[in-house]
């Protein structure tokens, strides 16, 4: 059985007054995150209201390790003040026949 990568989309709901703060905080950790051993892809998108992270990890353990990184924890701590609603995370695997 082939090991399948983990794909993730996270929708982040910043308060309007903290949109730029949240966006910049996420942009600031992209390079470090991409250097993590288990990270394949980590991209940020926005629609001028919400932020969307598109991520690909080698497995769930790599994602769990990302959540433990100091720079990730700093962003999560700031979310307490900045977000209007909890982050929605969708985890998925690639569909195959």
PDB file of N, CA and C in Angstrom:
ATOM      1  N   UNK A   1       0.835  -1.180   0.000  1.00  0.00           N
ATOM      2  CA  UNK A   1       0.000   0.000   0.000  1.00  0.00           C
ATOM      3  C   UNK A   1       0.885   1.250   0.000  1.00  0.00           C
ATOM      4  N   UNK A   2       0.591   2.169  -0.876  1.00  0.00           N
ATOM      5  CA  UNK A   2       1.365   3.395  -1.010  1.00  0.00           C
ATOM      6  C   UNK A   2       0.912   4.420   0.019  1.00  0.00           C
ATOM      7  N   UNK A   3       1.874   5.070   0.614  1.00  0.00           N
ATOM      8  CA  UNK A   3       1.561   6.131   1.570  1.00  0.00           C
ATOM      9  C   UNK A   3       1.092   7.360   0.805  1.00  0.00           C
ATOM     10  N   UNK A   4      -0.025   7.945   1.250  1.00  0.00           N
ATOM     11  CA  UNK A   4      -0.593   9.103   0.568  1.00  0.00           C
ATOM     12  C   UNK A   4      -0.344  10.366   1.367  1.00  0.00           C
ATOM     13  N   UNK A   5      -0.053  11.427   0.651  1.00  0.00           N
ATOM     14  CA  UNK A   5       0.150  12.721   1.301  1.00  0.00           C
ATOM     15  C   UNK A   5      -1.160  13.251   1.859  1.00  0.00           C
ATOM     16  N   UNK A   6      -1.027  14.136   2.831  1.00  0.00           N
ATOM     17  CA  UNK A   6      -2.163  14.800   3.459  1.00  0.00           C
ATOM     18  C   UNK A   6      -2.305  16.190   2.850  1.00  0.00           C
ATOM     19  N   UNK A   7      -3.482  16.495   2.365  1.00  0.00           N
ATOM     20  CA  UNK A   7      -3.795  17.819   1.826  1.00  0.00           C
ATOM     21  C   UNK A   7      -4.717  18.516   2.809  1.00  0.00           C
ATOM     22  N   UNK A   8      -4.543  19.818   2.924  1.00  0.00           N
ATOM     23  CA  UNK A   8      -5.303  20.568   3.913  1.00  0.00           C
ATOM     24  C   UNK A   8      -5.658  21.944   3.360  1.00  0.00           C
ATOM     25  N   UNK A   9      -6.882  22.351   3.607  1.00  0.00           N
ATOM     26  CA  UNK A   9      -7.294  23.723   3.338  1.00  0.00           C
ATOM     27  C   UNK A   9      -7.799  24.285   4.654  1.00  0.00           C
ATOM     28  N   UNK A  10      -7.215  25.393   5.065  1.00  0.00           N
ATOM     29  CA  UNK A  10      -7.636  26.062   6.296  1.00  0.00           C
ATOM     30  C   UNK A  10      -8.223  27.418   5.923  1.00  0.00           C
ATOM     31  N   UNK A  11      -9.444  27.654   6.379  1.00  0.00           N
ATOM     32  CA  UNK A  11     -10.094  28.946   6.142  1.00  0.00           C
ATOM     33  C   UNK A  11     -10.003  29.745   7.435  1.00  0.00           C
ATOM     34  N   UNK A  12      -9.375  30.911   7.337  1.00  0.00           N
ATOM     35  CA  UNK A  12      -9.116  31.775   8.495  1.00  0.00           C
ATOM     36  C   UNK A  12     -10.027  32.998   8.388  1.00  0.00           C
ATOM     37  N   UNK A  13     -10.736  33.303   9.476  1.00  0.00           N
ATOM     38  CA  UNK A  13     -11.732  34.376   9.500  1.00  0.00           C
ATOM     39  C   UNK A  13     -11.270  35.539  10.379  1.00  0.00           C
ATOM     40  N   UNK A  14     -10.379  36.389   9.892  1.00  0.00           N
ATOM     41  CA  UNK A  14      -9.927  37.501  10.734  1.00  0.00           C
ATOM     42  C   UNK A  14     -11.000  38.585  10.860  1.00  0.00           C
ATOM     43  N   UNK A  15     -10.983  39.258  12.001  1.00  0.00           N
ATOM     44  CA  UNK A  15     -11.808  40.460  12.143  1.00  0.00           C
ATOM     45  C   UNK A  15     -11.292  41.465  11.119  1.00  0.00           C
ATOM     46  N   UNK A  16     -12.183  42.303  10.595  1.00  0.00           N
ATOM     47  CA  UNK A  16     -11.807  43.255   9.540  1.00  0.00           C
ATOM     48  C   UNK A  16     -10.601  44.098   9.939  1.00  0.00           C
ATOM     49  N   UNK A  17     -10.571  44.538  11.184  1.00  0.00           N
ATOM     50  CA  UNK A  17      -9.476  45.401  11.631  1.00  0.00           C
ATOM     51  C   UNK A  17      -8.153  44.647  11.797  1.00  0.00           C
ATOM     52  N   UNK A  18      -8.200  43.315  11.747  1.00  0.00           N
ATOM     53  CA  UNK A  18      -6.981  42.508  11.901  1.00  0.00           C
ATOM     54  C   UNK A  18      -6.646  41.700  10.645  1.00  0.00           C
ATOM     55  N   UNK A  19      -7.336  41.980   9.538  1.00  0.00           N
ATOM     56  CA  UNK A  19      -7.076  41.232   8.308  1.00  0.00           C
ATOM     57  C   UNK A  19      -5.604  41.329   7.901  1.00  0.00           C
ATOM     58  N   UNK A  20      -5.072  42.538   7.833  1.00  0.00           N
ATOM     59  CA  UNK A  20      -3.671  42.714   7.412  1.00  0.00           C
ATOM     60  C   UNK A  20      -2.706  42.082   8.404  1.00  0.00           C
ATOM     61  N   UNK A  21      -3.012  42.183   9.701  1.00  0.00           N
ATOM     62  CA  UNK A  21      -2.152  41.567  10.720  1.00  0.00           C
ATOM     63  C   UNK A  21      -2.079  40.054  10.510  1.00  0.00           C
ATOM     64  N   UNK A  22      -3.245  39.432  10.349  1.00  0.00           N
ATOM     65  CA  UNK A  22      -3.293  37.981  10.173  1.00  0.00           C
ATOM     66  C   UNK A  22      -2.612  37.568   8.866  1.00  0.00           C
ATOM     67  N   UNK A  23      -2.882  38.307   7.814  1.00  0.00           N
ATOM     68  CA  UNK A  23      -2.274  38.000   6.515  1.00  0.00           C
ATOM     69  C   UNK A  23      -0.753  38.098   6.595  1.00  0.00           C
ATOM     70  N   UNK A  24      -0.252  39.173   7.164  1.00  0.00           N
ATOM     71  CA  UNK A  24       1.199  39.352   7.264  1.00  0.00           C
ATOM     72  C   UNK A  24       1.846  38.313   8.164  1.00  0.00           C
ATOM     73  N   UNK A  25       1.178  37.942   9.251  1.00  0.00           N
ATOM     74  CA  UNK A  25       1.725  36.916  10.145  1.00  0.00           C
ATOM     75  C   UNK A  25       1.872  35.588   9.410  1.00  0.00           C
ATOM     76  N   UNK A  26       0.881  35.240   8.605  1.00  0.00           N
ATOM     77  CA  UNK A  26       0.966  33.993   7.840  1.00  0.00           C
ATOM     78  C   UNK A  26       2.009  34.086   6.731  1.00  0.00           C
ATOM     79  N   UNK A  27       2.059  35.210   6.050  1.00  0.00           N
ATOM     80  CA  UNK A  27       3.092  35.390   5.019  1.00  0.00           C
ATOM     81  C   UNK A  27       4.490  35.268   5.620  1.00  0.00           C
ATOM     82  N   UNK A  28       4.650  35.743   6.839  1.00  0.00           N
ATOM     83  CA  UNK A  28       5.957  35.715   7.502  1.00  0.00           C
ATOM     84  C   UNK A  28       6.440  34.307   7.838  1.00  0.00           C
ATOM     85  N   UNK A  29       5.531  33.332   7.950  1.00  0.00           N
ATOM     86  CA  UNK A  29       5.968  31.976   8.318  1.00  0.00           C
ATOM     87  C   UNK A  29       6.029  31.020   7.122  1.00  0.00           C
ATOM     88  N   UNK A  30       5.684  31.482   5.953  1.00  0.00           N
ATOM     89  CA  UNK A  30       5.665  30.581   4.792  1.00  0.00           C
ATOM     90  C   UNK A  30       7.041  29.985   4.517  1.00  0.00           C
ATOM     91  N   UNK A  31       8.061  30.807   4.460  1.00  0.00           N
ATOM     92  CA  UNK A  31       9.402  30.308   4.132  1.00  0.00           C
ATOM     93  C   UNK A  31       9.881  29.277   5.149  1.00  0.00           C
ATOM     94  N   UNK A  32       9.707  29.580   6.444  1.00  0.00           N
ATOM     95  CA  UNK A  32      10.121  28.635   7.489  1.00  0.00           C
ATOM     96  C   UNK A  32       9.340  27.333   7.378  1.00  0.00           C
ATOM     97  N   UNK A  33       8.049  27.457   7.128  1.00  0.00           N
ATOM     98  CA  UNK A  33       7.205  26.269   7.035  1.00  0.00           C
ATOM     99  C   UNK A  33       7.633  25.392   5.868  1.00  0.00           C
ATOM    100  N   UNK A  34       7.929  25.992   4.737  1.00  0.00           N
ATOM    101  CA  UNK A  34       8.356  25.221   3.570  1.00  0.00           C
ATOM    102  C   UNK A  34       9.683  24.503   3.798  1.00  0.00           C
ATOM    103  N   UNK A  35      10.461  24.949   4.767  1.00  0.00           N
ATOM    104  CA  UNK A  35      11.728  24.294   5.098  1.00  0.00           C
ATOM    105  C   UNK A  35      11.541  23.103   6.037  1.00  0.00           C
ATOM    106  N   UNK A  36      10.354  22.940   6.593  1.00  0.00           N
ATOM    107  CA  UNK A  36      10.098  21.796   7.472  1.00  0.00           C
ATOM    108  C   UNK A  36      10.188  20.508   6.658  1.00  0.00           C
ATOM    109  N   UNK A  37      10.725  19.460   7.290  1.00  0.00           N
ATOM    110  CA  UNK A  37      10.946  18.191   6.593  1.00  0.00           C
ATOM    111  C   UNK A  37       9.698  17.630   5.925  1.00  0.00           C
ATOM    112  N   UNK A  38       8.567  17.722   6.573  1.00  0.00           N
ATOM    113  CA  UNK A  38       7.365  17.090   6.037  1.00  0.00           C
ATOM    114  C   UNK A  38       6.480  17.972   5.193  1.00  0.00           C
ATOM    115  N   UNK A  39       6.885  19.211   4.967  1.00  0.00           N
ATOM    116  CA  UNK A  39       6.050  20.146   4.209  1.00  0.00           C
ATOM    117  C   UNK A  39       6.379  20.081   2.722  1.00  0.00           C
ATOM    118  N   UNK A  40       5.360  19.892   1.917  1.00  0.00           N
ATOM    119  CA  UNK A  40       5.525  19.873   0.467  1.00  0.00           C
ATOM    120  C   UNK A  40       5.032  21.181  -0.137  1.00  0.00           C
ATOM    121  N   UNK A  41       3.922  21.681   0.393  1.00  0.00           N
ATOM    122  CA  UNK A  41       3.334  22.909  -0.142  1.00  0.00           C
ATOM    123  C   UNK A  41       2.653  23.670   0.994  1.00  0.00           C
ATOM    124  N   UNK A  42       2.782  25.002   0.960  1.00  0.00           N
ATOM    125  CA  UNK A  42       2.166  25.862   1.978  1.00  0.00           C
ATOM    126  C   UNK A  42       1.955  27.222   1.327  1.00  0.00           C
ATOM    127  N   UNK A  43       0.730  27.482   0.902  1.00  0.00           N
ATOM    128  CA  UNK A  43       0.429  28.702   0.153  1.00  0.00           C
ATOM    129  C   UNK A  43      -0.725  29.446   0.806  1.00  0.00           C
ATOM    130  N   UNK A  44      -0.684  30.769   0.713  1.00  0.00           N
ATOM    131  CA  UNK A  44      -1.728  31.617   1.285  1.00  0.00           C
ATOM    132  C   UNK A  44      -2.474  32.335   0.173  1.00  0.00           C
ATOM    133  N   UNK A  45      -3.798  32.309   0.273  1.00  0.00           N
ATOM    134  CA  UNK A  45      -4.681  33.006  -0.662  1.00  0.00           C
ATOM    135  C   UNK A  45      -5.647  33.852   0.156  1.00  0.00           C
ATOM    136  N   UNK A  46      -6.258  34.855  -0.489  1.00  0.00           N
ATOM    137  CA  UNK A  46      -7.270  35.637   0.220  1.00  0.00           C
ATOM    138  C   UNK A  46      -8.318  36.148  -0.750  1.00  0.00           C
ATOM    139  N   UNK A  47      -9.458  36.535  -0.184  1.00  0.00           N
ATOM    140  CA  UNK A  47     -10.530  37.147  -0.967  1.00  0.00           C
ATOM    141  C   UNK A  47     -10.861  38.537  -0.419  1.00  0.00           C
ATOM    142  N   UNK A  48      -9.868  39.155   0.201  1.00  0.00           N
ATOM    143  CA  UNK A  48      -9.961  40.496   0.808  1.00  0.00           C
ATOM    144  C   UNK A  48     -10.774  40.510   2.105  1.00  0.00           C
ATOM    145  N   UNK A  49     -11.307  39.348   2.488  1.00  0.00           N
ATOM    146  CA  UNK A  49     -12.067  39.246   3.735  1.00  0.00           C
ATOM    147  C   UNK A  49     -11.549  38.093   4.595  1.00  0.00           C
ATOM    148  N   UNK A  50     -11.340  36.948   3.955  1.00  0.00           N
ATOM    149  CA  UNK A  50     -10.858  35.759   4.645  1.00  0.00           C
ATOM    150  C   UNK A  50      -9.548  35.295   4.023  1.00  0.00           C
ATOM    151  N   UNK A  51      -8.840  34.461   4.770  1.00  0.00           N
ATOM    152  CA  UNK A  51      -7.563  33.908   4.324  1.00  0.00           C
ATOM    153  C   UNK A  51      -7.717  32.405   4.159  1.00  0.00           C
ATOM    154  N   UNK A  52      -7.006  31.863   3.190  1.00  0.00           N
ATOM    155  CA  UNK A  52      -7.092  30.437   2.890  1.00  0.00           C
ATOM    156  C   UNK A  52      -5.680  29.883   2.761  1.00  0.00           C
ATOM    157  N   UNK A  53      -5.380  28.885   3.559  1.00  0.00           N
ATOM    158  CA  UNK A  53      -4.097  28.197   3.457  1.00  0.00           C
ATOM    159  C   UNK A  53      -4.308  26.898   2.700  1.00  0.00           C
ATOM    160  N   UNK A  54      -3.488  26.676   1.684  1.00  0.00           N
ATOM    161  CA  UNK A  54      -3.488  25.410   0.971  1.00  0.00           C
ATOM    162  C   UNK A  54      -2.176  24.732   1.324  1.00  0.00           C
ATOM    163  N   UNK A  55      -2.288  23.554   1.920  1.00  0.00           N
ATOM    164  CA  UNK A  55      -1.099  22.877   2.432  1.00  0.00           C
ATOM    165  C   UNK A  55      -1.053  21.434   1.951  1.00  0.00           C
ATOM    166  N   UNK A  56       0.170  20.934   1.803  1.00  0.00           N
ATOM    167  CA  UNK A  56       0.384  19.517   1.532  1.00  0.00           C
ATOM    168  C   UNK A  56       1.521  19.047   2.426  1.00  0.00           C
ATOM    169  N   UNK A  57       1.269  17.952   3.132  1.00  0.00           N
ATOM    170  CA  UNK A  57       2.215  17.377   4.089  1.00  0.00           C
ATOM    171  C   UNK A  57       2.437  15.915   3.749  1.00  0.00           C
ATOM    172  N   UNK A  58       3.590  15.379   4.138  1.00  0.00           N
ATOM    173  CA  UNK A  58       3.852  13.970   3.839  1.00  0.00           C
ATOM    174  C   UNK A  58       2.955  13.053   4.663  1.00  0.00           C
ATOM    175  N   UNK A  59       2.547  13.519   5.848  1.00  0.00           N
ATOM    176  CA  UNK A  59       1.644  12.728   6.680  1.00  0.00           C
ATOM    177  C   UNK A  59       1.133  13.574   7.849  1.00  0.00           C
ATOM    178  N   UNK A  60       0.269  12.987   8.630  1.00  0.00           N
ATOM    179  CA  UNK A  60      -0.338  13.667   9.780  1.00  0.00           C
ATOM    180  C   UNK A  60       0.719  14.044  10.824  1.00  0.00           C
ATOM    181  N   UNK A  61       1.737  13.211  10.983  1.00  0.00           N
ATOM    182  CA  UNK A  61       2.796  13.501  11.956  1.00  0.00           C
ATOM    183  C   UNK A  61       3.557  14.770  11.579  1.00  0.00           C
ATOM    184  N   UNK A  62       3.789  14.976  10.302  1.00  0.00           N
ATOM    185  CA  UNK A  62       4.484  16.193   9.853  1.00  0.00           C
ATOM    186  C   UNK A  62       3.644  17.430  10.148  1.00  0.00           C
ATOM    187  N   UNK A  63       2.339  17.324   9.947  1.00  0.00           N
ATOM    188  CA  UNK A  63       1.446  18.444  10.265  1.00  0.00           C
ATOM    189  C   UNK A  63       1.440  18.708  11.768  1.00  0.00           C
ATOM    190  N   UNK A  64       1.388  17.647  12.557  1.00  0.00           N
ATOM    191  CA  UNK A  64       1.408  17.802  14.015  1.00  0.00           C
ATOM    192  C   UNK A  64       2.696  18.487  14.465  1.00  0.00           C
ATOM    193  N   UNK A  65       3.811  18.134  13.844  1.00  0.00           N
ATOM    194  CA  UNK A  65       5.086  18.777  14.175  1.00  0.00           C
ATOM    195  C   UNK A  65       5.049  20.258  13.808  1.00  0.00           C
ATOM    196  N   UNK A  66       4.429  20.589  12.683  1.00  0.00           N
ATOM    197  CA  UNK A  66       4.292  21.995  12.275  1.00  0.00           C
ATOM    198  C   UNK A  66       3.548  22.788  13.350  1.00  0.00           C
ATOM    199  N   UNK A  67       2.507  22.197  13.900  1.00  0.00           N
ATOM    200  CA  UNK A  67       1.727  22.887  14.940  1.00  0.00           C
ATOM    201  C   UNK A  67       2.550  23.141  16.204  1.00  0.00           C
ATOM    202  N   UNK A  68       3.630  22.402  16.389  1.00  0.00           N
ATOM    203  CA  UNK A  68       4.491  22.563  17.569  1.00  0.00           C
ATOM    204  C   UNK A  68       5.635  23.553  17.350  1.00  0.00           C
ATOM    205  N   UNK A  69       5.836  23.985  16.126  1.00  0.00           N
ATOM    206  CA  UNK A  69       6.923  24.930  15.846  1.00  0.00           C
ATOM    207  C   UNK A  69       6.642  26.266  16.538  1.00  0.00           C
ATOM    208  N   UNK A  70       7.667  26.897  17.113  1.00  0.00           N
ATOM    209  CA  UNK A  70       7.465  28.168  17.828  1.00  0.00           C
ATOM    210  C   UNK A  70       6.799  29.247  16.981  1.00  0.00           C
ATOM    211  N   UNK A  71       7.177  29.362  15.722  1.00  0.00           N
ATOM    212  CA  UNK A  71       6.588  30.404  14.870  1.00  0.00           C
ATOM    213  C   UNK A  71       5.113  30.131  14.577  1.00  0.00           C
ATOM    214  N   UNK A  72       4.730  28.865  14.517  1.00  0.00           N
ATOM    215  CA  UNK A  72       3.315  28.527  14.329  1.00  0.00           C
ATOM    216  C   UNK A  72       2.529  28.863  15.587  1.00  0.00           C
ATOM    217  N   UNK A  73       3.092  28.541  16.739  1.00  0.00           N
ATOM    218  CA  UNK A  73       2.414  28.834  18.004  1.00  0.00           C
ATOM    219  C   UNK A  73       2.217  30.335  18.204  1.00  0.00           C
ATOM    220  N   UNK A  74       3.159  31.151  17.745  1.00  0.00           N
ATOM    221  CA  UNK A  74       3.018  32.611  17.851  1.00  0.00           C
ATOM    222  C   UNK A  74       1.785  33.064  17.068  1.00  0.00           C
ATOM    223  N   UNK A  75       1.625  32.550  15.856  1.00  0.00           N
ATOM    224  CA  UNK A  75       0.456  32.918  15.045  1.00  0.00           C
ATOM    225  C   UNK A  75      -0.824  32.433  15.725  1.00  0.00           C
ATOM    226  N   UNK A  76      -0.836  31.198  16.198  1.00  0.00           N
ATOM    227  CA  UNK A  76      -2.027  30.674  16.876  1.00  0.00           C
ATOM    228  C   UNK A  76      -2.386  31.530  18.092  1.00  0.00           C
ATOM    229  N   UNK A  77      -1.386  31.975  18.841  1.00  0.00           N
ATOM    230  CA  UNK A  77      -1.647  32.834  20.005  1.00  0.00           C
ATOM    231  C   UNK A  77      -2.293  34.149  19.576  1.00  0.00           C
ATOM    232  N   UNK A  78      -1.809  34.718  18.491  1.00  0.00           N
ATOM    233  CA  UNK A  78      -2.367  35.982  17.998  1.00  0.00           C
ATOM    234  C   UNK A  78      -3.789  35.801  17.476  1.00  0.00           C
ATOM    235  N   UNK A  79      -4.095  34.614  16.980  1.00  0.00           N
ATOM    236  CA  UNK A  79      -5.449  34.334  16.504  1.00  0.00           C
ATOM    237  C   UNK A  79      -6.498  34.602  17.591  1.00  0.00           C
ATOM    238  N   UNK A  80      -6.132  34.391  18.855  1.00  0.00           N
ATOM    239  CA  UNK A  80      -7.089  34.592  19.949  1.00  0.00           C
ATOM    240  C   UNK A  80      -7.695  35.990  19.902  1.00  0.00           C
ATOM    241  N   UNK A  81      -6.899  36.964  19.529  1.00  0.00           N
ATOM    242  CA  UNK A  81      -7.337  38.361  19.462  1.00  0.00           C
ATOM    243  C   UNK A  81      -7.854  38.729  18.069  1.00  0.00           C
ATOM    244  N   UNK A  82      -7.270  38.161  17.044  1.00  0.00           N
ATOM    245  CA  UNK A  82      -7.507  38.599  15.678  1.00  0.00           C
ATOM    246  C   UNK A  82      -8.713  37.979  14.979  1.00  0.00           C
ATOM    247  N   UNK A  83      -9.146  36.791  15.394  1.00  0.00           N
ATOM    248  CA  UNK A  83     -10.156  36.081  14.608  1.00  0.00           C
ATOM    249  C   UNK A  83     -11.587  36.355  15.057  1.00  0.00           C
ATOM    250  N   UNK A  84     -12.487  36.406  14.072  1.00  0.00           N
ATOM    251  CA  UNK A  84     -13.913  36.581  14.331  1.00  0.00           C
ATOM    252  C   UNK A  84     -14.596  35.239  14.573  1.00  0.00           C
ATOM    253  N   UNK A  85     -13.992  34.157  14.080  1.00  0.00           N
ATOM    254  CA  UNK A  85     -14.543  32.806  14.221  1.00  0.00           C
ATOM    255  C   UNK A  85     -13.384  31.815  14.172  1.00  0.00           C
ATOM    256  N   UNK A  86     -13.593  30.608  14.705  1.00  0.00           N
ATOM    257  CA  UNK A  86     -12.526  29.605  14.660  1.00  0.00           C
ATOM    258  C   UNK A  86     -12.134  29.243  13.227  1.00  0.00           C
ATOM    259  N   UNK A  87     -10.892  28.855  13.070  1.00  0.00           N
ATOM    260  CA  UNK A  87     -10.383  28.407  11.772  1.00  0.00           C
ATOM    261  C   UNK A  87     -11.110  27.113  11.383  1.00  0.00           C
ATOM    262  N   UNK A  88     -11.524  27.024  10.130  1.00  0.00           N
ATOM    263  CA  UNK A  88     -12.112  25.790   9.593  1.00  0.00           C
ATOM    264  C   UNK A  88     -11.016  25.038   8.850  1.00  0.00           C
ATOM    265  N   UNK A  89     -10.791  23.796   9.234  1.00  0.00           N
ATOM    266  CA  UNK A  89      -9.745  22.986   8.607  1.00  0.00           C
ATOM    267  C   UNK A  89     -10.382  21.784   7.922  1.00  0.00           C
ATOM    268  N   UNK A  90     -10.065  21.625   6.661  1.00  0.00           N
ATOM    269  CA  UNK A  90     -10.516  20.466   5.893  1.00  0.00           C
ATOM    270  C   UNK A  90      -9.283  19.661   5.514  1.00  0.00           C
ATOM    271  N   UNK A  91      -9.226  18.419   5.983  1.00  0.00           N
ATOM    272  CA  UNK A  91      -8.126  17.524   5.637  1.00  0.00           C
ATOM    273  C   UNK A  91      -8.640  16.512   4.630  1.00  0.00           C
ATOM    274  N   UNK A  92      -7.797  16.197   3.656  1.00  0.00           N
ATOM    275  CA  UNK A  92      -8.228  15.258   2.631  1.00  0.00           C
ATOM    276  C   UNK A  92      -7.036  14.531   2.032  1.00  0.00           C
ATOM    277  N   UNK A  93      -7.346  13.450   1.359  1.00  0.00           N
ATOM    278  CA  UNK A  93      -6.356  12.711   0.598  1.00  0.00           C
ATOM    279  C   UNK A  93      -6.734  12.746  -0.873  1.00  0.00           C
ATOM    280  N   UNK A  94      -5.779  12.499  -1.717  1.00  0.00           N
ATOM    281  CA  UNK A  94      -6.012  12.502  -3.162  1.00  0.00           C
ATOM    282  C   UNK A  94      -6.882  11.303  -3.541  1.00  0.00           C
ATOM    283  N   UNK A  95      -7.893  11.549  -4.347  1.00  0.00           N
ATOM    284  CA  UNK A  95      -8.771  10.472  -4.817  1.00  0.00           C
ATOM    285  C   UNK A  95      -8.070   9.681  -5.910  1.00  0.00           C
ATOM    286  N   UNK A  96      -8.189   8.388  -5.810  1.00  0.00           N
ATOM    287  CA  UNK A  96      -7.600   7.507  -6.815  1.00  0.00           C
ATOM    288  C   UNK A  96      -8.559   6.378  -7.108  1.00  0.00           C
ATOM    289  N   UNK A  97      -8.406   5.797  -8.253  1.00  0.00           N
ATOM    290  CA  UNK A  97      -9.253   4.678  -8.655  1.00  0.00           C
ATOM    291  C   UNK A  97      -8.770   3.405  -8.031  1.00  0.00           C
TER     292      UNK A  97
END
